[in-house]
Amino acid sequence: MNDNEKEEAANLKEEFEWVLREEVHAILHQLHSVLVECAHRFPVPLYGNEGQKQDKFILTSQPEQLKCIVTLTGDSITHADISFKVLRQMHTICRTSINQDGPWKLQQIQDAANHLQQAIGYIDNVDKHYVFRSSEEVLHIIQCLLGSLQRARTALVLPKKKAIDELMKSRNMALSPNLPEDLAISFYIQSHKLIFVAYQLSSVHGTMRIDSCQADCAVPWLSDVLFMLTAALHMCQQLKDKLCVFSQYKDFTVGSRSASMILN
């Protein structure tokens, strides 16, 4: 190794130690602030946020085949007035409602909140005076953060839709009056929207046919949450990419300490 290479290696190692000593903690602090702000946008109790926020939305389709006035309290629809035209019988209007005695739970909201809580916990477990000894330590934390944040985002962006047979079996659990046996409804979150779908089953020449119509509306706090989750993921990825460059140099450590000492 010539003098220029030695100097370059020394400079890289100095930068690496600065990143471990200063920049990692600064980025974790920024991440913590973003994630706590994100938590406070959720309508459920989460990291000091009392939750139980209540919003009202109107979902309609064009033409007015379907209309639903919804009250969303926390992670549940606590009231809804629902009316929709029965498919292939457009002069028949079906009406039903949801009330607070039988709320419709949107499990995606709680799932996303749980993953976010886990991500914040990973940062809380790192003492602000802790001295990182290797890039592997930090990468372990970042990988845990990326996993939790990706799961939180996925819970909202890619809904786990119930199978039609499951919807048919439980179609009247939260509804008054009950729906006819060939009709079912569903609510779910997809990205920044609340989606309502009405299904009708029929038999055509002995084959089961499923028709559906849907309406949606934007939910402002979901837009904020998704924006902050995406920003946090980007910050994690940037730090990971930087550390991966240093991790190519196997002798770039300031000691050896297991990541398990700071993450349980």
C-alpha atoms as a PDB file:
ATOM      1  CA  MET A   1       0.000   0.000   0.000  1.00  0.00           C
ATOM      2  CA  ASN A   2       1.563   3.335  -1.069  1.00  0.00           C
ATOM      3  CA  ASP A   3       1.397   6.559   0.912  1.00  0.00           C
ATOM      4  CA  ASN A   4      -1.687   7.882  -0.929  1.00  0.00           C
ATOM      5  CA  GLU A   5      -3.582   4.652  -0.290  1.00  0.00           C
ATOM      6  CA  LYS A   6      -2.578   4.703   3.377  1.00  0.00           C
ATOM      7  CA  GLU A   7      -3.762   8.294   3.717  1.00  0.00           C
ATOM      8  CA  GLU A   8      -7.051   7.480   1.980  1.00  0.00           C
ATOM      9  CA  ALA A   9      -7.588   4.473   4.239  1.00  0.00           C
ATOM     10  CA  ALA A  10      -6.821   6.572   7.327  1.00  0.00           C
ATOM     11  CA  ASN A  11      -9.304   9.247   6.214  1.00  0.00           C
ATOM     12  CA  LEU A  12     -11.966   6.643   5.544  1.00  0.00           C
ATOM     13  CA  LYS A  13     -11.467   5.088   8.954  1.00  0.00           C
ATOM     14  CA  GLU A  14     -11.680   8.507  10.609  1.00  0.00           C
ATOM     15  CA  GLU A  15     -14.934   9.204   8.759  1.00  0.00           C
ATOM     16  CA  PHE A  16     -16.227   5.758   9.718  1.00  0.00           C
ATOM     17  CA  GLU A  17     -15.545   6.394  13.412  1.00  0.00           C
ATOM     18  CA  TRP A  18     -17.276   9.788  13.162  1.00  0.00           C
ATOM     19  CA  VAL A  19     -20.307   8.161  11.561  1.00  0.00           C
ATOM     20  CA  LEU A  20     -20.512   5.585  14.373  1.00  0.00           C
ATOM     21  CA  ARG A  21     -19.887   8.158  17.088  1.00  0.00           C
ATOM     22  CA  GLU A  22     -21.993  11.087  15.856  1.00  0.00           C
ATOM     23  CA  GLU A  23     -24.049  10.567  12.712  1.00  0.00           C
ATOM     24  CA  VAL A  24     -25.774   7.312  13.677  1.00  0.00           C
ATOM     25  CA  HIS A  25     -27.131   8.826  16.892  1.00  0.00           C
ATOM     26  CA  ALA A  26     -28.186  11.994  15.066  1.00  0.00           C
ATOM     27  CA  ILE A  27     -30.100   9.992  12.451  1.00  0.00           C
ATOM     28  CA  LEU A  28     -31.703   7.756  15.089  1.00  0.00           C
ATOM     29  CA  HIS A  29     -32.831  10.911  16.902  1.00  0.00           C
ATOM     30  CA  GLN A  30     -34.346  12.306  13.682  1.00  0.00           C
ATOM     31  CA  LEU A  31     -36.017   8.983  12.984  1.00  0.00           C
ATOM     32  CA  HIS A  32     -37.448   8.897  16.490  1.00  0.00           C
ATOM     33  CA  SER A  33     -38.960  12.367  16.031  1.00  0.00           C
ATOM     34  CA  VAL A  34     -40.528  11.393  12.692  1.00  0.00           C
ATOM     35  CA  LEU A  35     -41.946   8.142  14.059  1.00  0.00           C
ATOM     36  CA  VAL A  36     -43.372   9.731  17.207  1.00  0.00           C
ATOM     37  CA  GLU A  37     -45.054  12.383  15.065  1.00  0.00           C
ATOM     38  CA  CYS A  38     -46.379   9.564  12.889  1.00  0.00           C
ATOM     39  CA  ALA A  39     -47.689   7.766  15.979  1.00  0.00           C
ATOM     40  CA  HIS A  40     -49.555  10.887  17.067  1.00  0.00           C
ATOM     41  CA  ARG A  41     -51.476  10.896  13.778  1.00  0.00           C
ATOM     42  CA  PHE A  42     -52.980   7.488  14.499  1.00  0.00           C
ATOM     43  CA  PRO A  43     -56.531   7.428  15.904  1.00  0.00           C
ATOM     44  CA  VAL A  44     -55.641   4.674  18.409  1.00  0.00           C
ATOM     45  CA  PRO A  45     -53.632   4.869  21.676  1.00  0.00           C
ATOM     46  CA  LEU A  46     -49.987   4.828  20.642  1.00  0.00           C
ATOM     47  CA  TYR A  47     -46.836   6.206  22.258  1.00  0.00           C
ATOM     48  CA  GLY A  48     -48.483   8.902  24.366  1.00  0.00           C
ATOM     49  CA  ASN A  49     -51.242   9.495  21.862  1.00  0.00           C
ATOM     50  CA  GLU A  50     -54.620   9.030  23.569  1.00  0.00           C
ATOM     51  CA  GLY A  51     -56.302   7.923  20.354  1.00  0.00           C
ATOM     52  CA  GLN A  52     -60.062   7.433  19.870  1.00  0.00           C
ATOM     53  CA  LYS A  53     -60.164  10.242  17.340  1.00  0.00           C
ATOM     54  CA  GLN A  54     -63.513  10.394  15.548  1.00  0.00           C
ATOM     55  CA  ASP A  55     -64.069  11.300  11.895  1.00  0.00           C
ATOM     56  CA  LYS A  56     -67.089  11.223   9.607  1.00  0.00           C
ATOM     57  CA  PHE A  57     -66.866  10.346   5.909  1.00  0.00           C
ATOM     58  CA  ILE A  58     -69.256  10.062   2.988  1.00  0.00           C
ATOM     59  CA  LEU A  59     -68.544   7.378   0.391  1.00  0.00           C
ATOM     60  CA  THR A  60     -70.451   7.428  -2.888  1.00  0.00           C
ATOM     61  CA  SER A  61     -70.057   5.846  -6.313  1.00  0.00           C
ATOM     62  CA  GLN A  62     -70.901   7.412  -9.658  1.00  0.00           C
ATOM     63  CA  PRO A  63     -73.645   7.110 -10.710  1.00  0.00           C
ATOM     64  CA  GLU A  64     -75.176   6.922  -7.235  1.00  0.00           C
ATOM     65  CA  GLN A  65     -75.301   3.175  -7.088  1.00  0.00           C
ATOM     66  CA  LEU A  66     -73.955   3.154  -3.567  1.00  0.00           C
ATOM     67  CA  LYS A  67     -73.855   5.603  -0.655  1.00  0.00           C
ATOM     68  CA  CYS A  68     -72.430   5.170   2.819  1.00  0.00           C
ATOM     69  CA  ILE A  69     -72.105   7.719   5.640  1.00  0.00           C
ATOM     70  CA  VAL A  70     -69.465   6.427   8.044  1.00  0.00           C
ATOM     71  CA  THR A  71     -68.278   7.418  11.523  1.00  0.00           C
ATOM     72  CA  LEU A  72     -64.734   6.149  12.146  1.00  0.00           C
ATOM     73  CA  THR A  73     -63.762   6.062  15.824  1.00  0.00           C
ATOM     74  CA  GLY A  74     -60.247   4.830  16.499  1.00  0.00           C
ATOM     75  CA  ASP A  75     -59.777   1.687  14.423  1.00  0.00           C
ATOM     76  CA  SER A  76     -63.489   0.867  14.139  1.00  0.00           C
ATOM     77  CA  ILE A  77     -66.516   1.999  12.176  1.00  0.00           C
ATOM     78  CA  THR A  78     -68.905   2.770  15.023  1.00  0.00           C
ATOM     79  CA  HIS A  79     -71.774   4.006  12.862  1.00  0.00           C
ATOM     80  CA  ALA A  80     -72.699   3.735   9.212  1.00  0.00           C
ATOM     81  CA  ASP A  81     -75.826   4.377   7.174  1.00  0.00           C
ATOM     82  CA  ILE A  82     -75.576   2.205   4.073  1.00  0.00           C
ATOM     83  CA  SER A  83     -77.699   2.101   0.935  1.00  0.00           C
ATOM     84  CA  PHE A  84     -76.964   0.532  -2.436  1.00  0.00           C
ATOM     85  CA  LYS A  85     -78.842  -0.552  -5.527  1.00  0.00           C
ATOM     86  CA  VAL A  86     -78.977  -4.299  -5.895  1.00  0.00           C
ATOM     87  CA  LEU A  87     -77.070  -5.322  -9.010  1.00  0.00           C
ATOM     88  CA  ARG A  88     -79.213  -6.501 -11.914  1.00  0.00           C
ATOM     89  CA  GLN A  89     -82.224  -5.165  -9.976  1.00  0.00           C
ATOM     90  CA  MET A  90     -81.410  -1.475 -10.208  1.00  0.00           C
ATOM     91  CA  HIS A  91     -84.820  -0.380  -8.921  1.00  0.00           C
ATOM     92  CA  THR A  92     -84.268  -2.289  -5.668  1.00  0.00           C
ATOM     93  CA  ILE A  93     -82.392  -0.401  -2.960  1.00  0.00           C
ATOM     94  CA  CYS A  94     -80.930  -2.259   0.009  1.00  0.00           C
ATOM     95  CA  ARG A  95     -80.511  -0.341   3.259  1.00  0.00           C
ATOM     96  CA  THR A  96     -78.728  -1.357   6.434  1.00  0.00           C
ATOM     97  CA  SER A  97     -76.624   0.222   9.179  1.00  0.00           C
ATOM     98  CA  ILE A  98     -73.814  -0.304  11.660  1.00  0.00           C
ATOM     99  CA  ASN A  99     -74.081   1.049  15.202  1.00  0.00           C
ATOM    100  CA  GLN A 100     -71.768   1.268  18.199  1.00  0.00           C
ATOM    101  CA  ASP A 101     -73.165  -1.936  19.722  1.00  0.00           C
ATOM    102  CA  GLY A 102     -71.629  -3.901  16.846  1.00  0.00           C
ATOM    103  CA  PRO A 103     -68.736  -1.853  15.379  1.00  0.00           C
ATOM    104  CA  TRP A 104     -66.808  -2.957  12.280  1.00  0.00           C
ATOM    105  CA  LYS A 105     -63.133  -3.221  13.240  1.00  0.00           C
ATOM    106  CA  LEU A 106     -60.491  -2.215  10.698  1.00  0.00           C
ATOM    107  CA  GLN A 107     -57.680  -4.460  11.911  1.00  0.00           C
ATOM    108  CA  GLN A 108     -55.200  -2.910   9.461  1.00  0.00           C
ATOM    109  CA  ILE A 109     -55.039   0.273  11.535  1.00  0.00           C
ATOM    110  CA  GLN A 110     -54.109  -1.564  14.732  1.00  0.00           C
ATOM    111  CA  ASP A 111     -51.654  -3.805  12.869  1.00  0.00           C
ATOM    112  CA  ALA A 112     -49.857  -0.779  11.397  1.00  0.00           C
ATOM    113  CA  ALA A 113     -49.815   0.902  14.819  1.00  0.00           C
ATOM    114  CA  ASN A 114     -48.298  -2.198  16.435  1.00  0.00           C
ATOM    115  CA  HIS A 115     -45.476  -2.345  13.874  1.00  0.00           C
ATOM    116  CA  LEU A 116     -44.819   1.382  14.329  1.00  0.00           C
ATOM    117  CA  GLN A 117     -44.694   0.938  18.112  1.00  0.00           C
ATOM    118  CA  GLN A 118     -42.141  -1.826  17.623  1.00  0.00           C
ATOM    119  CA  ALA A 119     -39.981   0.421  15.418  1.00  0.00           C
ATOM    120  CA  ILE A 120     -39.994   3.216  18.004  1.00  0.00           C
ATOM    121  CA  GLY A 121     -39.070   0.656  20.652  1.00  0.00           C
ATOM    122  CA  TYR A 122     -35.934  -0.368  18.747  1.00  0.00           C
ATOM    123  CA  ILE A 123     -34.686   3.236  18.907  1.00  0.00           C
ATOM    124  CA  ASP A 124     -35.732   3.681  22.551  1.00  0.00           C
ATOM    125  CA  ASN A 125     -33.581   0.662  23.439  1.00  0.00           C
ATOM    126  CA  VAL A 126     -30.425   2.410  22.229  1.00  0.00           C
ATOM    127  CA  ASP A 127     -28.836   4.551  24.928  1.00  0.00           C
ATOM    128  CA  LYS A 128     -27.960   7.981  23.517  1.00  0.00           C
ATOM    129  CA  HIS A 129     -24.472   7.713  25.028  1.00  0.00           C
ATOM    130  CA  TYR A 130     -23.823   4.246  23.667  1.00  0.00           C
ATOM    131  CA  VAL A 131     -20.603   3.945  21.621  1.00  0.00           C
ATOM    132  CA  PHE A 132     -21.107   1.762  18.556  1.00  0.00           C
ATOM    133  CA  ARG A 133     -18.158  -0.533  17.853  1.00  0.00           C
ATOM    134  CA  SER A 134     -18.903  -1.751  14.328  1.00  0.00           C
ATOM    135  CA  SER A 135     -21.116  -1.190  11.327  1.00  0.00           C
ATOM    136  CA  GLU A 136     -22.696  -4.607  11.971  1.00  0.00           C
ATOM    137  CA  GLU A 137     -24.197  -3.321  15.219  1.00  0.00           C
ATOM    138  CA  VAL A 138     -25.879  -0.413  13.484  1.00  0.00           C
ATOM    139  CA  LEU A 139     -26.934  -2.480  10.487  1.00  0.00           C
ATOM    140  CA  HIS A 140     -28.688  -4.897  12.842  1.00  0.00           C
ATOM    141  CA  ILE A 141     -30.758  -2.055  14.280  1.00  0.00           C
ATOM    142  CA  ILE A 142     -31.455  -0.558  10.863  1.00  0.00           C
ATOM    143  CA  GLN A 143     -32.559  -3.933   9.502  1.00  0.00           C
ATOM    144  CA  CYS A 144     -34.987  -4.313  12.420  1.00  0.00           C
ATOM    145  CA  LEU A 145     -36.318  -0.796  11.792  1.00  0.00           C
ATOM    146  CA  LEU A 146     -36.720  -1.394   8.067  1.00  0.00           C
ATOM    147  CA  GLY A 147     -38.638  -4.600   8.753  1.00  0.00           C
ATOM    148  CA  SER A 148     -41.079  -2.992  11.197  1.00  0.00           C
ATOM    149  CA  LEU A 149     -41.623   0.107   9.061  1.00  0.00           C
ATOM    150  CA  GLN A 150     -42.165  -1.913   5.886  1.00  0.00           C
ATOM    151  CA  ARG A 151     -44.715  -4.083   7.692  1.00  0.00           C
ATOM    152  CA  ALA A 152     -46.491  -0.989   9.025  1.00  0.00           C
ATOM    153  CA  ARG A 153     -46.705   0.512   5.549  1.00  0.00           C
ATOM    154  CA  THR A 154     -47.735  -2.765   3.930  1.00  0.00           C
ATOM    155  CA  ALA A 155     -50.555  -3.220   6.449  1.00  0.00           C
ATOM    156  CA  LEU A 156     -52.124  -0.015   5.102  1.00  0.00           C
ATOM    157  CA  VAL A 157     -51.173  -0.214   1.421  1.00  0.00           C
ATOM    158  CA  LEU A 158     -51.886  -3.898   0.726  1.00  0.00           C
ATOM    159  CA  PRO A 159     -55.073  -4.885   2.547  1.00  0.00           C
ATOM    160  CA  LYS A 160     -55.790  -8.483   3.473  1.00  0.00           C
ATOM    161  CA  LYS A 161     -59.208  -8.739   1.876  1.00  0.00           C
ATOM    162  CA  LYS A 162     -61.571 -11.312   3.335  1.00  0.00           C
ATOM    163  CA  ALA A 163     -62.597 -14.181   1.081  1.00  0.00           C
ATOM    164  CA  ILE A 164     -66.156 -13.927  -0.214  1.00  0.00           C
ATOM    165  CA  ASP A 165     -67.265 -17.038   1.697  1.00  0.00           C
ATOM    166  CA  GLU A 166     -65.958 -15.519   4.941  1.00  0.00           C
ATOM    167  CA  LEU A 167     -67.839 -12.295   4.193  1.00  0.00           C
ATOM    168  CA  MET A 168     -71.025 -14.223   3.498  1.00  0.00           C
ATOM    169  CA  LYS A 169     -70.776 -16.146   6.773  1.00  0.00           C
ATOM    170  CA  SER A 170     -70.254 -12.982   8.819  1.00  0.00           C
ATOM    171  CA  ARG A 171     -72.254 -10.575   6.678  1.00  0.00           C
ATOM    172  CA  ASN A 172     -74.807  -9.728   9.383  1.00  0.00           C
ATOM    173  CA  MET A 173     -72.594  -9.662  12.476  1.00  0.00           C
ATOM    174  CA  ALA A 174     -72.538  -5.853  12.632  1.00  0.00           C
ATOM    175  CA  LEU A 175     -75.565  -4.976  10.509  1.00  0.00           C
ATOM    176  CA  SER A 176     -79.118  -3.949  11.312  1.00  0.00           C
ATOM    177  CA  PRO A 177     -81.319  -4.932   9.576  1.00  0.00           C
ATOM    178  CA  ASN A 178     -79.736  -8.099   8.217  1.00  0.00           C
ATOM    179  CA  LEU A 179     -78.818  -8.336   4.544  1.00  0.00           C
ATOM    180  CA  PRO A 180     -80.469 -10.841   2.204  1.00  0.00           C
ATOM    181  CA  GLU A 181     -78.528 -14.108   1.953  1.00  0.00           C
ATOM    182  CA  ASP A 182     -77.089 -13.283  -1.491  1.00  0.00           C
ATOM    183  CA  LEU A 183     -75.583  -9.915  -0.417  1.00  0.00           C
ATOM    184  CA  ALA A 184     -72.478  -9.012   1.590  1.00  0.00           C
ATOM    185  CA  ILE A 185     -70.424  -5.905   2.290  1.00  0.00           C
ATOM    186  CA  SER A 186     -66.847  -5.140   3.278  1.00  0.00           C
ATOM    187  CA  PHE A 187     -64.787  -2.215   4.542  1.00  0.00           C
ATOM    188  CA  TYR A 188     -61.003  -1.981   4.350  1.00  0.00           C
ATOM    189  CA  ILE A 189     -58.121   0.479   4.134  1.00  0.00           C
ATOM    190  CA  GLN A 190     -56.067   0.760   0.946  1.00  0.00           C
ATOM    191  CA  SER A 191     -53.279   3.326   0.930  1.00  0.00           C
ATOM    192  CA  HIS A 192     -54.820   6.666   1.997  1.00  0.00           C
ATOM    193  CA  LYS A 193     -58.426   5.616   1.338  1.00  0.00           C
ATOM    194  CA  LEU A 194     -61.292   3.920   3.130  1.00  0.00           C
ATOM    195  CA  ILE A 195     -62.962   1.466   0.744  1.00  0.00           C
ATOM    196  CA  PHE A 196     -66.534   0.155   0.917  1.00  0.00           C
ATOM    197  CA  VAL A 197     -67.604  -2.754  -1.300  1.00  0.00           C
ATOM    198  CA  ALA A 198     -71.011  -4.352  -1.808  1.00  0.00           C
ATOM    199  CA  TYR A 199     -71.131  -7.898  -3.208  1.00  0.00           C
ATOM    200  CA  GLN A 200     -73.946  -9.877  -4.779  1.00  0.00           C
ATOM    201  CA  LEU A 201     -73.796 -13.617  -5.417  1.00  0.00           C
ATOM    202  CA  SER A 202     -75.856 -15.343  -8.065  1.00  0.00           C
ATOM    203  CA  SER A 203     -75.913 -18.595  -9.975  1.00  0.00           C
ATOM    204  CA  VAL A 204     -75.578 -18.401 -13.753  1.00  0.00           C
ATOM    205  CA  HIS A 205     -76.078 -21.746 -15.516  1.00  0.00           C
ATOM    206  CA  GLY A 206     -74.932 -23.524 -12.362  1.00  0.00           C
ATOM    207  CA  THR A 207     -71.810 -21.368 -11.940  1.00  0.00           C
ATOM    208  CA  MET A 208     -71.405 -19.015  -8.988  1.00  0.00           C
ATOM    209  CA  ARG A 209     -71.075 -15.406 -10.080  1.00  0.00           C
ATOM    210  CA  ILE A 210     -69.888 -12.517  -7.899  1.00  0.00           C
ATOM    211  CA  ASP A 211     -70.740  -8.936  -8.834  1.00  0.00           C
ATOM    212  CA  SER A 212     -69.505  -5.955  -6.862  1.00  0.00           C
ATOM    213  CA  CYS A 213     -69.580  -2.190  -6.686  1.00  0.00           C
ATOM    214  CA  GLN A 214     -67.436   0.034  -4.509  1.00  0.00           C
ATOM    215  CA  ALA A 215     -66.963   3.549  -3.220  1.00  0.00           C
ATOM    216  CA  ASP A 216     -64.058   5.182  -1.456  1.00  0.00           C
ATOM    217  CA  CYS A 217     -62.975   8.380   0.242  1.00  0.00           C
ATOM    218  CA  ALA A 218     -59.658   9.901   1.256  1.00  0.00           C
ATOM    219  CA  VAL A 219     -58.701   9.758   4.934  1.00  0.00           C
ATOM    220  CA  PRO A 220     -56.357  12.707   5.646  1.00  0.00           C
ATOM    221  CA  TRP A 221     -54.450  11.188   8.579  1.00  0.00           C
ATOM    222  CA  LEU A 222     -53.614   8.110   6.476  1.00  0.00           C
ATOM    223  CA  SER A 223     -51.874  10.332   3.916  1.00  0.00           C
ATOM    224  CA  ASP A 224     -49.778  11.876   6.697  1.00  0.00           C
ATOM    225  CA  VAL A 225     -48.902   8.480   8.177  1.00  0.00           C
ATOM    226  CA  LEU A 226     -47.862   6.993   4.833  1.00  0.00           C
ATOM    227  CA  PHE A 227     -45.759  10.057   4.007  1.00  0.00           C
ATOM    228  CA  MET A 228     -43.882   9.812   7.321  1.00  0.00           C
ATOM    229  CA  LEU A 229     -43.416   6.035   7.077  1.00  0.00           C
ATOM    230  CA  THR A 230     -41.967   6.472   3.574  1.00  0.00           C
ATOM    231  CA  ALA A 231     -39.657   9.257   4.800  1.00  0.00           C
ATOM    232  CA  ALA A 232     -38.459   7.092   7.695  1.00  0.00           C
ATOM    233  CA  LEU A 233     -37.814   4.152   5.380  1.00  0.00           C
ATOM    234  CA  HIS A 234     -35.765   6.423   3.104  1.00  0.00           C
ATOM    235  CA  MET A 235     -33.675   7.663   6.056  1.00  0.00           C
ATOM    236  CA  CYS A 236     -33.016   4.081   7.179  1.00  0.00           C
ATOM    237  CA  GLN A 237     -32.030   2.997   3.703  1.00  0.00           C
ATOM    238  CA  GLN A 238     -29.630   5.928   3.272  1.00  0.00           C
ATOM    239  CA  LEU A 239     -27.863   5.093   6.527  1.00  0.00           C
ATOM    240  CA  LYS A 240     -27.764   1.410   5.617  1.00  0.00           C
ATOM    241  CA  ASP A 241     -26.213   2.190   2.225  1.00  0.00           C
ATOM    242  CA  LYS A 242     -23.530   4.362   3.823  1.00  0.00           C
ATOM    243  CA  LEU A 243     -22.643   1.735   6.414  1.00  0.00           C
ATOM    244  CA  CYS A 244     -22.530  -1.006   3.785  1.00  0.00           C
ATOM    245  CA  VAL A 245     -19.710   0.916   2.078  1.00  0.00           C
ATOM    246  CA  PHE A 246     -17.677   0.924   5.290  1.00  0.00           C
ATOM    247  CA  SER A 247     -18.519  -2.701   6.063  1.00  0.00           C
ATOM    248  CA  GLN A 248     -16.469  -3.709   3.009  1.00  0.00           C
ATOM    249  CA  TYR A 249     -13.388  -2.842   5.051  1.00  0.00           C
ATOM    250  CA  LYS A 250     -13.189  -5.675   7.554  1.00  0.00           C
ATOM    251  CA  ASP A 251     -10.636  -3.918   9.753  1.00  0.00           C
ATOM    252  CA  PHE A 252     -12.902  -0.890  10.215  1.00  0.00           C
ATOM    253  CA  THR A 253     -14.010  -1.503  13.798  1.00  0.00           C
ATOM    254  CA  VAL A 254     -13.429   0.261  17.076  1.00  0.00           C
ATOM    255  CA  GLY A 255     -13.669  -2.898  19.107  1.00  0.00           C
ATOM    256  CA  SER A 256     -16.098  -5.784  18.973  1.00  0.00           C
ATOM    257  CA  ARG A 257     -19.420  -5.823  20.751  1.00  0.00           C
ATOM    258  CA  SER A 258     -22.493  -7.891  19.989  1.00  0.00           C
ATOM    259  CA  ALA A 259     -25.616  -6.166  18.744  1.00  0.00           C
ATOM    260  CA  SER A 260     -27.558  -8.282  21.232  1.00  0.00           C
ATOM    261  CA  MET A 261     -26.157  -6.067  23.992  1.00  0.00           C
ATOM    262  CA  ILE A 262     -28.357  -3.192  22.837  1.00  0.00           C
ATOM    263  CA  LEU A 263     -31.265  -4.996  21.210  1.00  0.00           C
ATOM    264  CA  ASN A 264     -33.202  -7.731  22.911  1.00  0.00           C
END
